[in-house]
Amino acid sequence: MGFKHKDILGLQDLTAEEIELLLNTADNMKEISKREIKKVPTLRGKTVVNLFFEPSTRTRTSFEIAAKRLSADTLNISASTSAVQKGETLSDTARNIEAMKPDIIVMRHAISGSHHYLAKRVSYSVINAGDGQHEHPSQGLLDMMTMREKLGTLKGLKVAIVGDITHSRVARSNIYGLTKMGAKVFLSGPPTLIPPGVERLGAVTVCGRMRDAVEDADVVMMLRIQLERQGKTLLPTMREYSRYFGLSDDVVKMAKPGVLVMHPGPMNRGVEISSETADGDNSVILEQVENGVAVRMSMLYHVSGGGPTE
């Protein structure tokens, strides 16, 4: 099957077959990064603009590397150095960029739904690199790629996602993607950080105690406490949070042997995850980062219409 979308705005919008297509393509793209010359001419002549209104290390760098490995021309724009600082609206910024004839814009924005707003108003392809608390589709895809690569399948896996669920776009994309692919998702975190009605996002189980989510899990994914989005204190102390919802080697032992420990980054070591666990044998955090380049190559490839990748 072909990929029929102009944009990739979220995993909620994609079918299981489309997610599998993106993952299969990413598997093939990963081989390119292992070559001595890490470049193919697939997107030669295409222009990719990275427009980031929020800070980013992994996502922005990964998208830039992905575009360059496909031979696209890349341009990076951050809010701090753009006309947004002078009062320009998102719509005006997008239309001015459109006048320069780019092919794909990769955008991160603090407002949920901003990518849907943009995609309806421009002719070029839009890829969501994170919008507020809504979705982060490339992170969801690279997480699923890592699980599938290590465990062979997504269907039937027990995946525990622990932490700040309310403010996490990573959690939402993983819930949409994993449940569509047949995994069982278990959520845990302080009651103040579990959104009401989260079960409506997919076939998920909410656990009051972390151990109930982690017990016999194939994957344990820890999330960062997003103090910058909370607006008010939702936790008594970081020490108390770490005591009840932090991942240590002792907690890992409750999961299945060989459990995958994941984190989207950046990590708060000693808060949601101990250094020993983050750097331990079960950790696949750096594999997630590596797979991020392949997944983003796949996304760029498919929104541009596909073509030879040799």
Protein backbone atom coordinates (compact mmCIF):
# COMPACT_ATOMS: atom_id res chain seq x y z
CA MET A 1 0.00 0.00 0.00
CA GLY A 2 1.07 3.60 -0.58
CA PHE A 3 1.08 6.43 1.94
CA LYS A 4 -1.77 8.76 1.02
CA HIS A 5 -1.32 11.63 3.50
CA LYS A 6 0.16 15.03 2.65
CA ASP A 7 1.01 15.57 6.31
CA ILE A 8 1.85 13.55 9.42
CA LEU A 9 0.11 15.34 12.28
CA GLY A 10 -0.41 12.49 14.73
CA LEU A 11 -0.70 8.73 15.13
CA GLN A 12 -4.39 9.17 15.93
CA ASP A 13 -4.91 9.95 12.23
CA LEU A 14 -3.07 6.86 10.93
CA THR A 15 -4.27 3.27 10.51
CA ALA A 16 -2.34 0.26 11.80
CA GLU A 17 -1.34 -0.50 8.20
CA GLU A 18 0.05 3.02 7.70
CA ILE A 19 1.99 2.82 10.97
CA GLU A 20 3.44 -0.53 9.89
CA LEU A 21 4.43 0.95 6.53
CA LEU A 22 6.30 3.78 8.25
CA LEU A 23 8.03 1.31 10.59
CA ASN A 24 8.99 -1.06 7.75
CA THR A 25 10.44 1.84 5.78
CA ALA A 26 12.35 2.97 8.87
CA ASP A 27 13.87 -0.52 9.16
CA ASN A 28 15.21 -0.10 5.61
CA MET A 29 16.37 3.48 6.23
CA LYS A 30 18.40 2.40 9.26
CA GLU A 31 20.79 0.52 7.00
CA ILE A 32 21.74 3.80 5.27
CA SER A 33 23.09 5.19 8.55
CA LYS A 34 25.46 2.22 8.84
CA ARG A 35 27.12 2.82 5.46
CA GLU A 36 30.48 4.49 5.09
CA ILE A 37 28.80 7.20 2.98
CA LYS A 38 25.56 7.91 4.83
CA LYS A 39 23.64 9.59 2.03
CA VAL A 40 21.17 8.65 -0.71
CA PRO A 41 19.73 10.98 -3.40
CA THR A 42 16.06 10.30 -2.57
CA LEU A 43 15.09 13.89 -1.64
CA ARG A 44 17.64 15.72 -3.78
CA GLY A 45 16.19 19.08 -4.81
CA LYS A 46 13.69 19.10 -1.91
CA THR A 47 13.81 21.73 0.85
CA VAL A 48 12.96 20.86 4.46
CA VAL A 49 12.40 23.67 6.97
CA ASN A 50 12.70 22.89 10.69
CA LEU A 51 10.56 25.48 12.51
CA PHE A 52 10.88 25.07 16.28
CA PHE A 53 8.97 27.32 18.68
CA GLU A 54 10.11 25.23 21.69
CA PRO A 55 13.57 24.00 22.76
CA SER A 56 14.74 20.68 21.33
CA THR A 57 17.96 18.71 21.12
CA ARG A 58 17.16 15.18 19.93
CA THR A 59 14.14 15.84 17.72
CA ARG A 60 15.49 18.85 15.87
CA THR A 61 18.95 17.38 15.34
CA SER A 62 17.47 14.04 14.32
CA PHE A 63 15.16 15.59 11.70
CA GLU A 64 18.05 17.62 10.29
CA ILE A 65 20.30 14.57 10.04
CA ALA A 66 17.43 12.55 8.51
CA ALA A 67 16.83 15.17 5.81
CA LYS A 68 20.53 15.45 4.98
CA ARG A 69 20.94 11.69 4.69
CA LEU A 70 18.18 11.80 2.09
CA SER A 71 20.04 14.66 0.32
CA ALA A 72 17.44 17.34 1.05
CA ASP A 73 18.42 20.96 1.64
CA THR A 74 17.64 21.97 5.23
CA LEU A 75 16.94 25.24 6.98
CA ASN A 76 16.54 25.67 10.75
CA ILE A 77 14.42 28.44 12.26
CA SER A 78 13.94 28.92 16.00
CA ALA A 79 11.38 31.20 17.60
CA SER A 80 14.09 33.18 19.40
CA THR A 81 15.63 34.29 16.09
CA SER A 82 12.44 34.67 14.04
CA ALA A 83 9.94 37.50 13.46
CA VAL A 84 7.69 35.85 16.06
CA GLN A 85 9.69 37.91 18.56
CA LYS A 86 8.34 41.00 16.79
CA GLY A 87 4.71 39.89 17.02
CA GLU A 88 4.28 37.93 13.77
CA THR A 89 1.51 35.30 13.88
CA LEU A 90 1.99 31.62 13.09
CA SER A 91 -0.19 32.03 9.99
CA ASP A 92 1.91 34.92 8.66
CA THR A 93 5.15 33.08 9.41
CA ALA A 94 3.89 30.01 7.55
CA ARG A 95 2.71 31.97 4.52
CA ASN A 96 5.98 33.86 4.26
CA ILE A 97 7.87 30.57 4.37
CA GLU A 98 5.46 29.16 1.76
CA ALA A 99 6.33 32.05 -0.59
CA MET A 100 9.89 30.70 -0.64
CA LYS A 101 8.61 27.34 -1.98
CA PRO A 102 9.75 24.76 0.59
CA ASP A 103 8.54 21.18 0.23
CA ILE A 104 8.23 20.06 3.87
CA ILE A 105 8.02 21.94 7.15
CA VAL A 106 8.81 20.16 10.41
CA MET A 107 7.32 22.15 13.27
CA ARG A 108 7.28 22.07 17.06
CA HIS A 109 4.86 24.39 18.81
CA ALA A 110 3.62 24.94 22.36
CA ILE A 111 -0.06 25.06 21.35
CA SER A 112 -1.95 21.79 20.85
CA GLY A 113 -3.54 21.60 17.42
CA SER A 114 -1.25 24.19 15.84
CA HIS A 115 -0.16 21.72 13.14
CA HIS A 116 -3.73 21.00 12.07
CA TYR A 117 -4.30 24.75 11.84
CA LEU A 118 -1.18 25.15 9.70
CA ALA A 119 -1.73 22.14 7.43
CA LYS A 120 -5.13 23.48 6.31
CA ARG A 121 -3.58 26.77 5.20
CA VAL A 122 -0.44 25.78 3.29
CA SER A 123 0.34 23.65 0.25
CA TYR A 124 3.57 22.09 1.51
CA SER A 125 3.70 19.00 3.76
CA VAL A 126 3.63 19.49 7.53
CA ILE A 127 5.21 17.06 9.99
CA ASN A 128 4.40 17.40 13.67
CA ALA A 129 7.54 17.44 15.84
CA GLY A 130 5.43 17.98 18.96
CA ASP A 131 2.42 20.22 19.63
CA GLY A 132 1.73 21.23 23.22
CA GLN A 133 0.29 18.33 25.20
CA HIS A 134 -1.29 16.75 22.11
CA GLU A 135 1.02 14.46 20.09
CA HIS A 136 4.62 13.67 19.20
CA PRO A 137 4.22 11.15 16.36
CA SER A 138 7.89 10.66 15.50
CA GLN A 139 8.66 9.78 19.12
CA GLY A 140 5.79 7.29 19.19
CA LEU A 141 7.05 5.69 15.98
CA LEU A 142 10.67 5.42 17.12
CA ASP A 143 9.52 3.91 20.42
CA MET A 144 7.49 1.30 18.55
CA MET A 145 10.37 0.63 16.17
CA THR A 146 12.68 -0.02 19.13
CA MET A 147 10.19 -2.37 20.81
CA ARG A 148 9.58 -4.29 17.60
CA GLU A 149 13.29 -4.50 16.84
CA LYS A 150 14.13 -5.87 20.29
CA LEU A 151 11.05 -8.04 20.97
CA GLY A 152 10.01 -9.06 17.44
CA THR A 153 6.41 -7.83 17.59
CA LEU A 154 4.15 -5.21 19.15
CA LYS A 155 1.04 -7.36 19.35
CA GLY A 156 0.33 -8.63 22.85
CA LEU A 157 3.11 -6.70 24.59
CA LYS A 158 2.45 -5.23 28.03
CA VAL A 159 3.79 -1.68 27.97
CA ALA A 160 3.89 0.33 31.20
CA ILE A 161 4.04 4.12 30.79
CA VAL A 162 4.81 5.85 34.08
CA GLY A 163 4.96 9.50 35.08
CA ASP A 164 3.42 12.78 33.98
CA ILE A 165 0.71 11.43 31.66
CA THR A 166 -1.37 14.62 31.73
CA HIS A 167 1.23 16.85 30.09
CA SER A 168 2.90 14.22 27.89
CA ARG A 169 2.43 14.30 24.13
CA VAL A 170 4.76 11.28 24.03
CA ALA A 171 2.27 9.29 26.13
CA ARG A 172 -0.61 10.18 23.83
CA SER A 173 1.19 9.20 20.63
CA ASN A 174 2.33 5.94 22.20
CA ILE A 175 -1.18 5.16 23.43
CA TYR A 176 -2.66 5.77 19.97
CA GLY A 177 0.07 3.83 18.18
CA LEU A 178 0.56 0.90 20.54
CA THR A 179 -3.14 0.14 21.00
CA LYS A 180 -3.66 0.20 17.22
CA MET A 181 -0.80 -2.28 16.86
CA GLY A 182 -2.26 -4.66 19.45
CA ALA A 183 -0.19 -3.87 22.55
CA LYS A 184 -1.68 -3.55 26.03
CA VAL A 185 -0.88 -0.20 27.65
CA PHE A 186 -0.81 0.32 31.43
CA LEU A 187 -0.51 3.85 32.83
CA SER A 188 0.66 4.90 36.27
CA GLY A 189 1.45 8.17 37.98
CA PRO A 190 0.25 10.49 40.73
CA PRO A 191 -3.54 11.10 40.49
CA THR A 192 -2.84 14.78 39.77
CA LEU A 193 -0.87 13.75 36.66
CA ILE A 194 -3.37 11.26 35.19
CA PRO A 195 -5.92 13.06 32.97
CA PRO A 196 -9.60 12.22 33.56
CA GLY A 197 -11.03 10.00 30.81
CA VAL A 198 -7.61 8.91 29.52
CA GLU A 199 -9.14 5.46 28.85
CA ARG A 200 -10.95 7.01 25.87
CA LEU A 201 -7.64 7.38 24.02
CA GLY A 202 -7.39 3.60 23.52
CA ALA A 203 -7.45 0.26 25.30
CA VAL A 204 -5.50 1.38 28.38
CA THR A 205 -5.52 0.39 32.04
CA VAL A 206 -4.82 2.99 34.74
CA CYS A 207 -2.97 1.72 37.82
CA GLY A 208 -2.80 3.64 41.09
CA ARG A 209 0.37 1.84 42.13
CA MET A 210 3.44 1.78 39.91
CA ARG A 211 4.14 -1.87 40.72
CA ASP A 212 0.76 -2.92 39.24
CA ALA A 213 1.73 -1.34 35.92
CA VAL A 214 5.30 -2.65 35.92
CA GLU A 215 4.59 -6.20 37.07
CA ASP A 216 5.26 -8.66 34.20
CA ALA A 217 5.70 -5.78 31.74
CA ASP A 218 7.66 -6.28 28.53
CA VAL A 219 8.46 -2.56 28.34
CA VAL A 220 8.67 0.16 30.99
CA MET A 221 8.63 3.70 29.61
CA MET A 222 9.38 6.52 32.01
CA LEU A 223 8.24 10.10 31.40
CA ARG A 224 9.77 13.36 32.54
CA ILE A 225 7.92 15.56 35.02
CA GLN A 226 7.06 18.61 32.89
CA LEU A 227 7.14 21.40 35.45
CA GLU A 228 7.16 23.99 32.65
CA ARG A 229 3.65 22.93 31.58
CA GLN A 230 2.06 22.47 34.98
CA GLY A 231 1.51 26.11 35.89
CA LYS A 232 1.04 25.13 39.53
CA THR A 233 2.54 22.57 41.87
CA LEU A 234 0.87 19.19 41.36
CA LEU A 235 3.36 17.24 43.50
CA PRO A 236 4.36 17.63 47.17
CA THR A 237 8.09 17.13 46.51
CA MET A 238 10.35 15.55 43.90
CA ARG A 239 11.68 13.24 46.61
CA GLU A 240 8.20 11.88 47.31
CA TYR A 241 7.52 11.46 43.59
CA SER A 242 10.76 9.53 43.13
CA ARG A 243 9.92 7.30 46.08
CA TYR A 244 6.58 6.17 44.67
CA PHE A 245 7.00 6.55 40.89
CA GLY A 246 10.75 6.49 40.23
CA LEU A 247 12.29 3.57 38.35
CA SER A 248 15.13 1.73 40.09
CA ASP A 249 16.75 -1.64 39.57
CA ASP A 250 14.54 -3.05 42.34
CA VAL A 251 11.40 -1.98 40.48
CA VAL A 252 12.75 -3.35 37.19
CA LYS A 253 12.92 -6.80 38.82
CA MET A 254 9.09 -6.80 39.03
CA ALA A 255 8.87 -6.78 35.23
CA LYS A 256 9.60 -9.66 32.87
CA PRO A 257 13.21 -10.81 32.49
CA GLY A 258 14.75 -8.82 29.65
CA VAL A 259 12.28 -5.94 30.04
CA LEU A 260 13.08 -2.89 27.92
CA VAL A 261 13.63 0.34 29.86
CA MET A 262 12.78 3.39 27.77
CA HIS A 263 12.74 7.17 28.17
CA PRO A 264 12.05 9.84 25.52
CA GLY A 265 14.52 12.28 27.09
CA PRO A 266 15.61 14.57 28.48
CA MET A 267 15.98 12.54 31.68
CA ASN A 268 15.87 13.85 35.22
CA ARG A 269 18.25 11.33 36.76
CA GLY A 270 17.39 10.52 40.33
CA VAL A 271 13.80 11.70 39.90
CA GLU A 272 11.89 9.50 37.42
CA ILE A 273 14.78 7.11 36.82
CA SER A 274 17.98 6.21 38.66
CA SER A 275 21.33 6.53 36.88
CA GLU A 276 22.01 2.82 37.41
CA THR A 277 18.78 1.89 35.64
CA ALA A 278 19.17 4.46 32.85
CA ASP A 279 22.63 3.11 32.06
CA GLY A 280 21.89 -0.53 32.87
CA ASP A 281 21.65 -3.64 30.71
CA ASN A 282 17.87 -3.28 30.21
CA SER A 283 18.10 0.30 28.96
CA VAL A 284 17.48 0.93 25.25
CA ILE A 285 17.43 4.72 25.56
CA LEU A 286 20.31 5.29 23.14
CA GLU A 287 18.80 2.78 20.71
CA GLN A 288 15.68 4.97 20.75
CA VAL A 289 17.78 7.96 19.73
CA GLU A 290 19.46 5.96 16.95
CA ASN A 291 16.12 4.74 15.63
CA GLY A 292 14.80 8.30 15.69
CA VAL A 293 16.90 9.18 12.64
CA ALA A 294 15.58 6.18 10.66
CA VAL A 295 11.95 6.91 11.62
CA ARG A 296 12.25 10.55 10.62
CA MET A 297 13.85 9.57 7.32
CA SER A 298 10.81 7.36 6.76
CA MET A 299 8.39 10.19 7.57
CA LEU A 300 10.15 12.64 5.24
CA TYR A 301 10.29 10.01 2.51
CA HIS A 302 6.58 9.20 2.64
CA VAL A 303 5.18 12.74 2.81
CA SER A 304 7.35 13.62 -0.20
CA GLY A 305 5.67 10.87 -2.24
CA GLY A 306 8.24 8.10 -1.91
CA GLY A 307 10.63 6.92 -4.60
CA PRO A 308 13.91 5.01 -4.94
CA THR A 309 16.09 4.96 -1.80
CA GLU A 310 19.29 3.47 -3.19
